[in-house]
Amino acid sequence: MNIHDLGTLTGTLMLFGGPYSNLQALQAFLREADRRKVPHSRIICTGDVAGYCAHPGETVALLRDTGISVVAGNVERQLAEGAQDCGCGFEPGSTCEGLSAAWFAHADRAIDGAAREWMKALPDVCVFTHEGLRYAVVHGGLSDISRFLWPTTPDADFAQEIAAIAAACGPIDGVISGHCGLAFERVIGDVHWINAGVIGMPSHDMRPDTRFVVLSKDGARIERLSYDAKGAAQAMQKAGLTQGYDTALISGIWPSEDILPAEMRS
């Protein structure tokens, strides 16, 4: 277990996940951090830097250059190990599993050896203290990096992950996660669970804006990120990534709801 302790962080923090090879979104996010005067030392990514979109190599290189703290996502772990699929946790035979083959192959071709070594060294968990509260940052869950925890997931599933995190990292007051693609908050017992969402793909809400979280002395706040979604979609189409995620960047609707719990499907 690779645990990276960031110590005590002061001031406003920005938390985000899933750049997903969306270079335009990452560039817009970094501009937003500059606008808010949040230094890179107070920004944390929940992983899946590479993914669905057109620029995996460039997106990874840009994020590495910033020095922003990154927790390994399943995509980083799979690319580092030379695996043949994304390891996203999609159901076998599902539409999402089928669609992932093209974008993962595209990312696999674009990521060089140095980037894979960087991915291999990424921590499983980051911990930090902010405003007197101790937080842990994971990708999906600690028991399973690809575990999907949704806004509607039973409390017991969150409690299981919180117990695993506490056993590995010590007592915590909050968890920052990613993976599922949706930003949300839950309170489980005394622990605040915050999914920071992703910046590289919209939230299946008919809007192209993506999501990130600002953590301040006033607590967590989910924010929208506007970026050049049209340019990102055109780059995907130019790269031959036309399995449906390209149009999702514009429409704000995912090409499949297979991954969603039944109660969240439209």
Protein backbone atom coordinates (compact mmCIF):
# COMPACT_ATOMS: atom_id res chain seq x y z
CA MET A 1 0.00 0.00 0.00
CA ASN A 2 1.52 3.28 -1.13
CA ILE A 3 0.25 6.08 1.13
CA HIS A 4 1.44 9.65 0.52
CA ASP A 5 1.02 12.06 3.43
CA LEU A 6 0.71 15.65 2.20
CA GLY A 7 0.77 17.03 5.73
CA THR A 8 -1.28 20.07 6.68
CA LEU A 9 -2.66 22.12 3.78
CA THR A 10 -3.86 25.66 4.41
CA GLY A 11 -6.09 27.93 2.38
CA THR A 12 -8.43 26.94 -0.43
CA LEU A 13 -7.90 23.54 -2.10
CA MET A 14 -9.10 22.30 -5.49
CA LEU A 15 -9.91 18.61 -6.00
CA PHE A 16 -10.65 16.99 -9.33
CA GLY A 17 -10.72 13.66 -11.10
CA GLY A 18 -10.82 12.11 -14.54
CA PRO A 19 -8.98 14.39 -16.95
CA TYR A 20 -9.60 11.43 -19.31
CA SER A 21 -7.09 12.63 -21.97
CA ASN A 22 -9.20 15.77 -22.37
CA LEU A 23 -6.40 18.30 -22.83
CA GLN A 24 -8.79 21.21 -23.36
CA ALA A 25 -10.53 20.49 -20.04
CA LEU A 26 -7.25 20.19 -18.11
CA GLN A 27 -5.99 23.45 -19.59
CA ALA A 28 -9.24 25.17 -18.60
CA PHE A 29 -9.03 23.73 -15.08
CA LEU A 30 -5.48 25.03 -14.63
CA ARG A 31 -6.59 28.46 -15.84
CA GLU A 32 -9.40 28.34 -13.27
CA ALA A 33 -6.89 27.49 -10.54
CA ASP A 34 -4.79 30.48 -11.59
CA ARG A 35 -7.87 32.71 -11.55
CA ARG A 36 -8.67 31.55 -8.01
CA LYS A 37 -5.00 31.94 -7.01
CA VAL A 38 -4.82 28.32 -5.85
CA PRO A 39 -1.23 27.05 -6.23
CA HIS A 40 -0.57 23.60 -7.66
CA SER A 41 0.63 22.46 -4.22
CA ARG A 42 -2.99 22.77 -3.03
CA ILE A 43 -4.57 20.78 -5.88
CA ILE A 44 -5.17 17.02 -5.82
CA CYS A 45 -6.33 14.70 -8.63
CA THR A 46 -8.21 11.46 -7.93
CA GLY A 47 -6.75 9.70 -11.00
CA ASP A 48 -7.69 8.47 -14.47
CA VAL A 49 -5.54 11.11 -16.13
CA ALA A 50 -5.71 9.16 -19.40
CA GLY A 51 -9.03 8.00 -20.75
CA TYR A 52 -11.73 8.54 -23.31
CA CYS A 53 -10.48 11.61 -25.17
CA ALA A 54 -7.94 12.44 -27.86
CA HIS A 55 -4.78 13.58 -26.08
CA PRO A 56 -3.54 11.00 -23.54
CA GLY A 57 0.17 11.73 -23.95
CA GLU A 58 -0.21 15.50 -23.84
CA THR A 59 -2.63 15.41 -20.90
CA VAL A 60 -0.36 13.18 -18.82
CA ALA A 61 2.68 15.31 -19.67
CA LEU A 62 0.91 18.55 -18.72
CA LEU A 63 -0.31 17.19 -15.39
CA ARG A 64 3.11 15.76 -14.58
CA ASP A 65 4.73 19.12 -15.30
CA THR A 66 2.46 20.90 -12.82
CA GLY A 67 3.59 18.79 -9.88
CA ILE A 68 -0.02 18.41 -8.76
CA SER A 69 -0.54 15.46 -6.39
CA VAL A 70 -2.23 12.55 -8.16
CA VAL A 71 -3.70 9.35 -6.74
CA ALA A 72 -3.50 6.38 -9.10
CA GLY A 73 -6.66 5.55 -10.99
CA ASN A 74 -7.39 2.17 -12.49
CA VAL A 75 -6.32 3.44 -15.93
CA GLU A 76 -2.90 4.44 -14.58
CA ARG A 77 -2.47 1.06 -12.91
CA GLN A 78 -3.47 -0.80 -16.08
CA LEU A 79 -1.20 1.25 -18.36
CA ALA A 80 1.71 0.91 -15.95
CA GLU A 81 1.29 -2.88 -15.91
CA GLY A 82 0.93 -3.22 -19.68
CA ALA A 83 -2.61 -4.61 -19.31
CA GLN A 84 -4.93 -5.07 -22.27
CA ASP A 85 -7.96 -3.22 -20.93
CA CYS A 86 -8.84 -0.22 -18.77
CA GLY A 87 -9.80 -2.17 -15.66
CA CYS A 88 -12.74 0.20 -15.17
CA GLY A 89 -15.00 -2.37 -13.54
CA PHE A 90 -17.53 -2.41 -16.39
CA GLU A 91 -19.78 -5.47 -16.52
CA PRO A 92 -18.50 -8.08 -18.99
CA GLY A 93 -20.37 -7.79 -22.26
CA SER A 94 -21.79 -4.36 -21.42
CA THR A 95 -21.84 -1.49 -23.88
CA CYS A 96 -19.36 0.43 -21.72
CA GLU A 97 -16.91 -2.47 -21.81
CA GLY A 98 -17.15 -2.64 -25.59
CA LEU A 99 -16.74 1.11 -26.06
CA SER A 100 -13.69 1.20 -23.80
CA ALA A 101 -11.59 -0.97 -26.14
CA ALA A 102 -10.99 1.83 -28.67
CA TRP A 103 -10.08 4.61 -26.26
CA PHE A 104 -7.86 2.37 -24.12
CA ALA A 105 -5.97 1.17 -27.18
CA HIS A 106 -5.52 4.80 -28.25
CA ALA A 107 -4.16 5.72 -24.81
CA ASP A 108 -1.91 2.66 -24.72
CA ARG A 109 -0.28 3.69 -28.01
CA ALA A 110 0.31 7.25 -26.81
CA ILE A 111 1.81 6.70 -23.35
CA ASP A 112 5.59 6.37 -23.31
CA GLY A 113 7.82 4.49 -20.91
CA ALA A 114 8.61 7.49 -18.71
CA ALA A 115 4.90 8.19 -18.23
CA ARG A 116 4.27 4.55 -17.32
CA GLU A 117 7.03 4.70 -14.69
CA TRP A 118 5.41 7.83 -13.26
CA MET A 119 2.08 6.01 -13.16
CA LYS A 120 3.65 3.02 -11.43
CA ALA A 121 4.94 5.27 -8.64
CA LEU A 122 1.62 7.03 -7.97
CA PRO A 123 0.20 6.47 -4.47
CA ASP A 124 -2.90 4.43 -3.72
CA VAL A 125 -3.99 7.01 -1.16
CA CYS A 126 -3.09 10.59 -0.27
CA VAL A 127 -3.84 11.90 3.21
CA PHE A 128 -3.85 15.49 4.41
CA THR A 129 -5.18 17.72 7.17
CA HIS A 130 -7.18 20.84 6.36
CA GLU A 131 -8.96 23.16 8.80
CA GLY A 132 -8.41 20.65 11.60
CA LEU A 133 -9.97 17.75 9.67
CA ARG A 134 -8.10 14.74 8.28
CA TYR A 135 -8.93 13.57 4.76
CA ALA A 136 -7.97 10.59 2.62
CA VAL A 137 -8.00 10.72 -1.19
CA VAL A 138 -8.71 7.49 -3.12
CA HIS A 139 -9.81 6.67 -6.66
CA GLY A 140 -12.88 4.40 -6.46
CA GLY A 141 -12.44 2.63 -3.15
CA LEU A 142 -9.56 1.23 -1.15
CA SER A 143 -10.83 -2.35 -1.22
CA ASP A 144 -11.21 -2.05 -5.02
CA ILE A 145 -9.70 0.78 -7.05
CA SER A 146 -12.53 0.36 -9.60
CA ARG A 147 -15.39 0.19 -7.13
CA PHE A 148 -18.38 2.25 -8.22
CA LEU A 149 -19.95 4.19 -5.36
CA TRP A 150 -22.89 6.31 -6.49
CA PRO A 151 -25.09 8.97 -4.87
CA THR A 152 -27.67 6.21 -4.31
CA THR A 153 -25.28 3.49 -3.04
CA PRO A 154 -26.28 2.07 0.38
CA ASP A 155 -24.55 3.53 3.43
CA ALA A 156 -23.09 0.12 4.27
CA ASP A 157 -20.95 0.12 1.12
CA PHE A 158 -19.46 3.51 1.97
CA ALA A 159 -18.95 2.39 5.57
CA GLN A 160 -17.00 -0.65 4.35
CA GLU A 161 -14.62 1.57 2.38
CA ILE A 162 -14.27 4.05 5.23
CA ALA A 163 -13.31 1.21 7.58
CA ALA A 164 -10.71 -0.05 5.10
CA ILE A 165 -9.25 3.44 4.71
CA ALA A 166 -9.12 3.98 8.48
CA ALA A 167 -7.42 0.62 8.96
CA ALA A 168 -4.72 1.59 6.45
CA CYS A 169 -4.35 5.30 7.18
CA GLY A 170 -5.68 5.94 10.67
CA PRO A 171 -8.77 7.90 11.71
CA ILE A 172 -10.28 10.20 9.07
CA ASP A 173 -12.95 12.86 8.98
CA GLY A 174 -13.45 12.91 5.22
CA VAL A 175 -12.82 10.99 1.99
CA ILE A 176 -12.24 12.47 -1.46
CA SER A 177 -12.95 10.02 -4.29
CA GLY A 178 -13.55 9.84 -8.03
CA HIS A 179 -14.03 7.03 -10.60
CA CYS A 180 -17.82 7.01 -11.07
CA GLY A 181 -17.84 10.28 -13.04
CA LEU A 182 -20.39 12.10 -10.89
CA ALA A 183 -19.70 14.70 -8.21
CA PHE A 184 -21.72 14.27 -5.01
CA GLU A 185 -21.54 14.37 -1.23
CA ARG A 186 -22.65 11.91 1.42
CA VAL A 187 -22.31 11.86 5.20
CA ILE A 188 -21.71 8.37 6.59
CA GLY A 189 -21.66 8.42 10.37
CA ASP A 190 -19.09 11.08 11.23
CA VAL A 191 -17.31 10.92 7.88
CA HIS A 192 -17.93 13.29 4.97
CA TRP A 193 -17.59 11.44 1.64
CA ILE A 194 -16.97 13.80 -1.28
CA ASN A 195 -16.79 12.61 -4.87
CA ALA A 196 -14.97 15.35 -6.78
CA GLY A 197 -16.42 14.28 -10.12
CA VAL A 198 -14.38 14.41 -13.33
CA ILE A 199 -13.28 17.26 -15.57
CA GLY A 200 -12.92 15.22 -18.76
CA MET A 201 -16.52 14.10 -19.34
CA PRO A 202 -19.88 15.72 -18.51
CA SER A 203 -22.16 14.44 -15.78
CA HIS A 204 -24.87 12.85 -17.96
CA ASP A 205 -27.08 15.87 -17.30
CA MET A 206 -27.50 17.34 -20.81
CA ARG A 207 -24.85 20.00 -20.17
CA PRO A 208 -21.28 19.98 -21.50
CA ASP A 209 -19.82 21.51 -18.32
CA THR A 210 -17.82 19.17 -16.12
CA ARG A 211 -17.20 19.21 -12.34
CA PHE A 212 -14.57 19.74 -9.66
CA VAL A 213 -14.61 20.53 -5.94
CA VAL A 214 -13.34 23.49 -3.95
CA LEU A 215 -12.54 22.79 -0.30
CA SER A 216 -12.26 25.85 1.97
CA LYS A 217 -12.82 26.82 5.58
CA ASP A 218 -16.54 26.85 4.70
CA GLY A 219 -16.49 23.20 3.58
CA ALA A 220 -16.76 21.51 0.18
CA ARG A 221 -18.45 23.07 -2.82
CA ILE A 222 -19.06 21.36 -6.17
CA GLU A 223 -18.25 23.68 -9.06
CA ARG A 224 -18.82 23.57 -12.84
CA LEU A 225 -15.98 23.80 -15.36
CA SER A 226 -16.64 25.32 -18.76
CA TYR A 227 -14.06 24.57 -21.45
CA ASP A 228 -13.67 24.14 -25.22
CA ALA A 229 -15.85 21.03 -25.45
CA LYS A 230 -16.34 21.49 -29.19
CA GLY A 231 -12.58 21.50 -29.75
CA ALA A 232 -12.15 18.40 -27.58
CA ALA A 233 -14.90 16.58 -29.51
CA GLN A 234 -13.38 17.54 -32.87
CA ALA A 235 -9.99 16.25 -31.69
CA MET A 236 -11.60 12.91 -30.78
CA GLN A 237 -13.22 12.67 -34.19
CA LYS A 238 -9.93 13.46 -35.91
CA ALA A 239 -8.31 10.66 -33.88
CA GLY A 240 -11.05 8.20 -34.91
CA LEU A 241 -12.56 8.06 -31.42
CA THR A 242 -16.17 8.16 -32.59
CA GLN A 243 -17.77 5.52 -30.37
CA GLY A 244 -20.14 8.04 -28.76
CA TYR A 245 -18.05 9.79 -26.13
CA ASP A 246 -17.13 12.46 -28.68
CA THR A 247 -20.76 13.53 -29.02
CA ALA A 248 -21.24 13.16 -25.25
CA LEU A 249 -18.82 16.05 -24.75
CA ILE A 250 -21.31 18.31 -26.54
CA SER A 251 -24.65 16.78 -25.60
CA GLY A 252 -23.80 16.11 -21.96
CA ILE A 253 -25.32 12.62 -22.33
CA TRP A 254 -23.26 9.45 -21.99
CA PRO A 255 -23.53 6.95 -24.87
CA SER A 256 -24.71 4.23 -22.49
CA GLU A 257 -26.37 4.03 -19.07
CA ASP A 258 -25.23 0.44 -18.48
CA ILE A 259 -22.89 1.56 -15.71
CA LEU A 260 -25.56 3.45 -13.74
CA PRO A 261 -27.67 1.89 -10.99
CA ALA A 262 -31.19 1.17 -12.21
CA GLU A 263 -32.68 3.94 -10.11
CA MET A 264 -30.44 6.53 -11.78
CA ARG A 265 -31.21 5.63 -15.40
CA SER A 266 -33.40 8.01 -17.36
